[in-house]
């Protein structure tokens, strides 16, 4: 399912992900982070990245659990001692801080899955090629490097398997030689294509002045309104952080998890900011039904 958020100007999409990432890192209350995880998971489902999310979920959850478990073992801060591990105190504050930090990183990783779906290579180059052409190209190549290598490795493995070359048969020496052969072919293939790409882009004048893009995006009034919406809501979240709102006091002693009335207002602003693409899609559906009912 392609949602309307993919069709808006790339700058608006990129600005949304930047504002959302900043707000998630600033507002560390567990309720805020749980809401962010739920909203971002819903956004990924709407964008059709459910399969990617499910494949990444074990790694994301494992990373979060490692952080949540290791933090109380290495951090001795806090006044509420739960138990002793090898004569070292494990405090409630360190446990809570580890959980909060893990939730924040989980949010960022889920957000990044959505980012990869919306801000693809063409949009990224469109945004940054005129400002930092070399850096933009390097980032694009880096982002696609790992999945490209994995895909090519699978292709090489399937081809070589048909020729009865396998890394999992024979002695250790034979398996090592076969693996090095795979790696040699993979690197040769990738470097040859990289050279061809560089020569092709150089022939087309990439990074030169006065060049236009084959895919143009124009900022409409709606796009500027969306940018204004994101600025106001992000500024509100930053103001709340500066005034101690939307955060759980952990050190030196764990504070109350209860939210004040102003905290709840900030929570509403934060939820609207995170759920901006979902609101956009809902608004488009409502508009579509209204237009159809008037025909």
Protein backbone atom coordinates (compact mmCIF):
# COMPACT_ATOMS: atom_id res chain seq x y z
CA UNK A 1 0.00 0.00 0.00
CA UNK A 2 1.54 3.31 -1.08
CA UNK A 3 0.52 6.12 1.22
CA UNK A 4 0.33 9.79 0.28
CA UNK A 5 3.39 10.60 2.36
CA UNK A 6 5.61 9.08 -0.34
CA UNK A 7 4.27 11.55 -2.91
CA UNK A 8 5.01 14.81 -1.12
CA UNK A 9 8.18 16.83 -1.66
CA UNK A 10 11.38 15.02 -0.58
CA UNK A 11 12.39 17.95 1.62
CA UNK A 12 9.16 17.60 3.65
CA UNK A 13 9.71 13.86 4.07
CA UNK A 14 13.34 14.33 5.08
CA UNK A 15 12.38 17.15 7.45
CA UNK A 16 9.75 14.93 9.08
CA UNK A 17 12.27 12.16 9.80
CA UNK A 18 14.74 14.68 11.20
CA UNK A 19 12.13 16.28 13.47
CA UNK A 20 10.84 12.89 14.60
CA UNK A 21 14.32 11.59 15.41
CA UNK A 22 15.15 14.71 17.42
CA UNK A 23 11.87 14.56 19.36
CA UNK A 24 12.33 10.87 20.18
CA UNK A 25 15.80 11.50 21.55
CA UNK A 26 14.66 14.50 23.60
CA UNK A 27 11.48 13.08 25.16
CA UNK A 28 12.49 10.07 27.22
CA UNK A 29 9.29 9.27 29.11
CA UNK A 30 8.34 5.57 28.67
CA UNK A 31 4.78 6.45 27.61
CA UNK A 32 6.11 8.73 24.87
CA UNK A 33 8.49 6.06 23.63
CA UNK A 34 5.91 3.26 23.68
CA UNK A 35 3.55 5.46 21.70
CA UNK A 36 6.32 6.27 19.23
CA UNK A 37 7.05 2.56 18.71
CA UNK A 38 3.37 1.76 18.09
CA UNK A 39 2.87 4.69 15.72
CA UNK A 40 6.06 3.95 13.76
CA UNK A 41 5.16 0.26 13.46
CA UNK A 42 1.74 1.31 12.10
CA UNK A 43 3.46 3.66 9.67
CA UNK A 44 5.70 0.86 8.39
CA UNK A 45 2.67 -1.38 7.89
CA UNK A 46 0.92 1.36 5.90
CA UNK A 47 4.04 1.85 3.78
CA UNK A 48 4.19 -1.84 2.92
CA UNK A 49 7.42 -2.51 4.81
CA UNK A 50 5.86 -5.05 7.16
CA UNK A 51 8.10 -7.85 5.85
CA UNK A 52 11.26 -5.78 6.31
CA UNK A 53 10.15 -4.87 9.81
CA UNK A 54 9.46 -8.50 10.71
CA UNK A 55 12.86 -9.59 9.38
CA UNK A 56 14.59 -6.84 11.36
CA UNK A 57 12.52 -7.26 14.51
CA UNK A 58 14.61 -10.06 16.09
CA UNK A 59 17.81 -8.05 15.62
CA UNK A 60 16.21 -4.84 16.91
CA UNK A 61 14.69 -6.60 19.92
CA UNK A 62 17.96 -8.41 20.64
CA UNK A 63 19.93 -5.18 20.54
CA UNK A 64 17.43 -3.52 22.87
CA UNK A 65 17.59 -6.40 25.34
CA UNK A 66 21.40 -6.34 25.36
CA UNK A 67 21.42 -2.63 26.16
CA UNK A 68 18.73 -3.01 28.83
CA UNK A 69 20.64 -5.86 30.49
CA UNK A 70 24.17 -4.48 30.26
CA UNK A 71 23.46 -0.97 31.51
CA UNK A 72 22.56 -1.95 35.11
CA UNK A 73 25.56 -4.29 35.22
CA UNK A 74 28.07 -1.55 34.38
CA UNK A 75 26.38 1.57 35.80
CA UNK A 76 26.45 1.95 39.56
CA UNK A 77 24.44 5.15 39.83
CA UNK A 78 21.12 5.19 41.65
CA UNK A 79 19.91 5.04 45.23
CA UNK A 80 17.53 2.06 45.10
CA UNK A 81 19.58 -1.14 45.25
CA UNK A 82 17.73 -4.21 43.95
CA UNK A 83 20.41 -6.85 44.46
CA UNK A 84 24.15 -7.44 44.21
CA UNK A 85 25.86 -9.04 41.23
CA UNK A 86 29.42 -10.14 41.96
CA UNK A 87 29.54 -7.76 44.90
CA UNK A 88 28.39 -4.86 42.71
CA UNK A 89 25.03 -3.17 43.33
CA UNK A 90 22.34 -3.31 40.63
CA UNK A 91 20.09 -0.29 41.09
CA UNK A 92 16.52 0.29 39.99
CA UNK A 93 17.51 3.58 38.38
CA UNK A 94 20.14 1.89 36.19
CA UNK A 95 17.60 -0.75 35.11
CA UNK A 96 15.02 1.88 34.18
CA UNK A 97 17.60 3.99 32.35
CA UNK A 98 18.72 0.94 30.35
CA UNK A 99 15.12 0.18 29.36
CA UNK A 100 14.48 3.80 28.33
CA UNK A 101 17.69 3.96 26.30
CA UNK A 102 16.83 0.65 24.59
CA UNK A 103 13.35 1.90 23.71
CA UNK A 104 14.81 5.08 22.22
CA UNK A 105 17.17 3.09 19.99
CA UNK A 106 14.36 0.75 18.95
CA UNK A 107 12.33 3.78 17.89
CA UNK A 108 15.24 5.13 15.82
CA UNK A 109 15.79 1.79 14.08
CA UNK A 110 12.09 1.44 13.20
CA UNK A 111 12.10 5.03 11.98
CA UNK A 112 15.11 4.28 9.80
CA UNK A 113 13.26 1.38 8.11
CA UNK A 114 10.52 3.82 7.12
CA UNK A 115 13.13 6.38 6.06
CA UNK A 116 14.71 3.90 3.64
CA UNK A 117 11.31 3.23 2.09
CA UNK A 118 10.45 6.90 1.51
CA UNK A 119 13.82 8.61 0.94
CA UNK A 120 15.25 6.46 -1.82
CA UNK A 121 18.42 7.15 -3.81
CA UNK A 122 16.84 9.55 -6.32
CA UNK A 123 15.30 11.70 -3.61
CA UNK A 124 18.48 11.73 -1.56
CA UNK A 125 20.55 12.84 -4.54
CA UNK A 126 17.94 15.44 -5.40
CA UNK A 127 18.19 16.93 -1.91
CA UNK A 128 21.96 16.99 -1.52
CA UNK A 129 23.63 16.68 -4.91
CA UNK A 130 23.76 20.45 -5.44
CA UNK A 131 25.07 21.12 -1.92
CA UNK A 132 27.54 18.24 -1.39
CA UNK A 133 27.56 16.11 -4.56
CA UNK A 134 30.48 13.88 -3.56
CA UNK A 135 29.15 13.36 -0.03
CA UNK A 136 25.62 12.66 -1.32
CA UNK A 137 26.91 10.05 -3.77
CA UNK A 138 29.11 8.47 -1.08
CA UNK A 139 26.18 8.19 1.35
CA UNK A 140 23.92 6.67 -1.30
CA UNK A 141 26.56 4.10 -2.22
CA UNK A 142 27.16 3.31 1.45
CA UNK A 143 23.46 2.82 2.19
CA UNK A 144 23.02 0.36 -0.65
CA UNK A 145 26.39 -1.36 -0.15
CA UNK A 146 25.37 -4.03 2.37
CA UNK A 147 22.08 -5.18 0.76
CA UNK A 148 23.75 -5.16 -2.68
CA UNK A 149 26.63 -7.34 -1.43
CA UNK A 150 24.20 -9.77 0.21
CA UNK A 151 22.14 -10.07 -2.96
CA UNK A 152 25.21 -10.62 -5.14
CA UNK A 153 26.64 -13.13 -2.69
CA UNK A 154 23.44 -15.17 -2.94
CA UNK A 155 23.59 -15.02 -6.74
CA UNK A 156 27.21 -16.18 -6.77
CA UNK A 157 26.47 -18.92 -4.27
CA UNK A 158 23.57 -20.28 -6.35
CA UNK A 159 25.64 -20.22 -9.55
CA UNK A 160 28.69 -21.86 -7.98
CA UNK A 161 26.51 -24.44 -6.27
CA UNK A 162 25.28 -25.58 -9.69
CA UNK A 163 28.93 -26.02 -10.68
CA UNK A 164 29.43 -28.18 -7.55
CA UNK A 165 31.51 -25.54 -5.72
CA UNK A 166 30.34 -25.27 -2.13
CA UNK A 167 31.81 -23.68 0.99
CA UNK A 168 30.15 -26.32 3.16
CA UNK A 169 31.68 -29.46 1.66
CA UNK A 170 35.15 -30.94 1.82
CA UNK A 171 38.06 -30.20 4.12
CA UNK A 172 38.61 -26.92 5.90
CA UNK A 173 41.28 -26.01 3.38
CA UNK A 174 38.98 -26.63 0.40
CA UNK A 175 36.13 -24.74 2.01
CA UNK A 176 38.43 -21.79 2.75
CA UNK A 177 39.68 -21.74 -0.83
CA UNK A 178 36.12 -21.84 -2.16
CA UNK A 179 35.11 -19.01 0.17
CA UNK A 180 38.05 -16.90 -0.97
CA UNK A 181 37.07 -17.61 -4.57
CA UNK A 182 33.55 -16.36 -3.84
CA UNK A 183 34.95 -13.22 -2.23
CA UNK A 184 37.34 -12.60 -5.13
CA UNK A 185 34.53 -12.84 -7.68
CA UNK A 186 32.26 -10.66 -5.54
CA UNK A 187 34.85 -7.89 -5.14
CA UNK A 188 35.84 -8.03 -8.81
CA UNK A 189 32.22 -7.78 -9.89
CA UNK A 190 31.50 -4.87 -7.51
CA UNK A 191 34.65 -2.91 -8.38
CA UNK A 192 34.06 -3.32 -12.11
CA UNK A 193 30.51 -2.02 -11.80
CA UNK A 194 31.66 0.83 -9.52
CA UNK A 195 34.21 1.89 -12.14
CA UNK A 196 31.58 1.80 -14.88
CA UNK A 197 29.19 3.83 -12.72
CA UNK A 198 31.87 6.43 -11.94
CA UNK A 199 32.80 6.80 -15.61
CA UNK A 200 29.15 7.05 -16.60
CA UNK A 201 28.39 9.73 -14.00
CA UNK A 202 31.53 11.65 -14.92
CA UNK A 203 30.49 11.58 -18.59
CA UNK A 204 27.10 12.98 -17.60
CA UNK A 205 28.71 15.79 -15.63
CA UNK A 206 27.59 14.77 -12.16
CA UNK A 207 28.33 17.51 -9.63
CA UNK A 208 28.74 20.15 -12.31
CA UNK A 209 27.10 23.55 -12.04
CA UNK A 210 23.86 24.35 -13.80
CA UNK A 211 22.70 20.76 -14.16
CA UNK A 212 19.04 19.94 -13.69
CA UNK A 213 17.40 16.77 -12.34
CA UNK A 214 15.52 14.33 -14.49
CA UNK A 215 12.88 14.13 -11.76
CA UNK A 216 11.74 17.53 -10.53
CA UNK A 217 9.87 18.29 -7.33
CA UNK A 218 8.08 21.56 -6.72
CA UNK A 219 7.17 22.84 -3.27
CA UNK A 220 3.43 23.43 -3.20
CA UNK A 221 1.43 25.40 -0.68
CA UNK A 222 0.55 22.16 1.07
CA UNK A 223 4.24 21.26 1.36
CA UNK A 224 5.05 24.61 2.97
CA UNK A 225 2.11 24.15 5.33
CA UNK A 226 3.45 20.73 6.31
CA UNK A 227 6.89 22.21 7.00
CA UNK A 228 5.28 24.91 9.18
CA UNK A 229 3.32 22.20 11.05
CA UNK A 230 6.49 20.19 11.69
CA UNK A 231 8.45 23.25 12.84
CA UNK A 232 5.77 24.32 15.32
CA UNK A 233 5.32 20.85 16.81
CA UNK A 234 9.05 20.14 17.00
CA UNK A 235 9.69 23.51 18.61
CA UNK A 236 6.96 22.68 21.15
CA UNK A 237 8.66 19.37 21.97
CA UNK A 238 12.01 21.15 22.38
CA UNK A 239 10.38 23.76 24.61
CA UNK A 240 8.87 21.00 26.74
CA UNK A 241 12.24 19.30 27.09
CA UNK A 242 13.84 22.58 28.15
CA UNK A 243 11.23 22.91 30.89
CA UNK A 244 11.58 19.36 32.17
CA UNK A 245 8.42 18.02 30.55
CA UNK A 246 7.98 14.68 28.80
CA UNK A 247 10.85 13.10 30.68
CA UNK A 248 11.17 10.65 33.52
CA UNK A 249 13.52 11.69 36.29
CA UNK A 250 15.83 8.71 36.86
CA UNK A 251 19.00 9.90 38.59
CA UNK A 252 19.88 10.23 41.39
CA UNK A 253 16.51 8.81 42.48
CA UNK A 254 13.69 7.48 40.32
CA UNK A 255 10.87 10.00 40.08
CA UNK A 256 7.15 9.55 39.54
CA UNK A 257 5.99 8.19 36.20
CA UNK A 258 2.73 10.12 36.44
CA UNK A 259 2.14 12.91 33.91
CA UNK A 260 0.93 16.38 34.71
CA UNK A 261 -1.69 18.20 32.65
CA UNK A 262 1.01 20.04 30.70
CA UNK A 263 2.80 16.72 30.11
CA UNK A 264 -0.39 15.31 28.59
CA UNK A 265 -0.65 18.31 26.29
CA UNK A 266 2.95 17.76 25.20
CA UNK A 267 2.15 14.08 24.72
CA UNK A 268 -0.64 15.03 22.31
CA UNK A 269 1.70 17.29 20.34
CA UNK A 270 4.36 14.56 20.24
CA UNK A 271 1.84 11.95 19.03
CA UNK A 272 0.58 14.27 16.28
CA UNK A 273 4.16 14.92 15.19
CA UNK A 274 5.11 11.23 15.03
CA UNK A 275 1.83 10.33 13.36
CA UNK A 276 1.97 13.10 10.75
CA UNK A 277 2.16 10.66 7.77
CA UNK A 278 -0.78 8.64 9.15
CA UNK A 279 -2.79 11.85 9.62
CA UNK A 280 -1.90 12.83 6.07
CA UNK A 281 -3.12 9.50 4.73
CA UNK A 282 -6.31 9.68 6.81
CA UNK A 283 -7.01 13.21 5.56
CA UNK A 284 -6.57 12.11 1.95
CA UNK A 285 -8.97 9.19 2.45
CA UNK A 286 -11.58 11.49 4.00
CA UNK A 287 -11.17 13.94 1.13
CA UNK A 288 -11.50 11.11 -1.40
CA UNK A 289 -14.75 9.91 0.18
CA UNK A 290 -16.14 13.45 0.32
CA UNK A 291 -15.35 14.05 -3.35
CA UNK A 292 -16.92 10.74 -4.33
CA UNK A 293 -20.07 11.41 -2.30
CA UNK A 294 -20.61 14.78 -4.01
CA UNK A 295 -20.52 13.29 -7.52
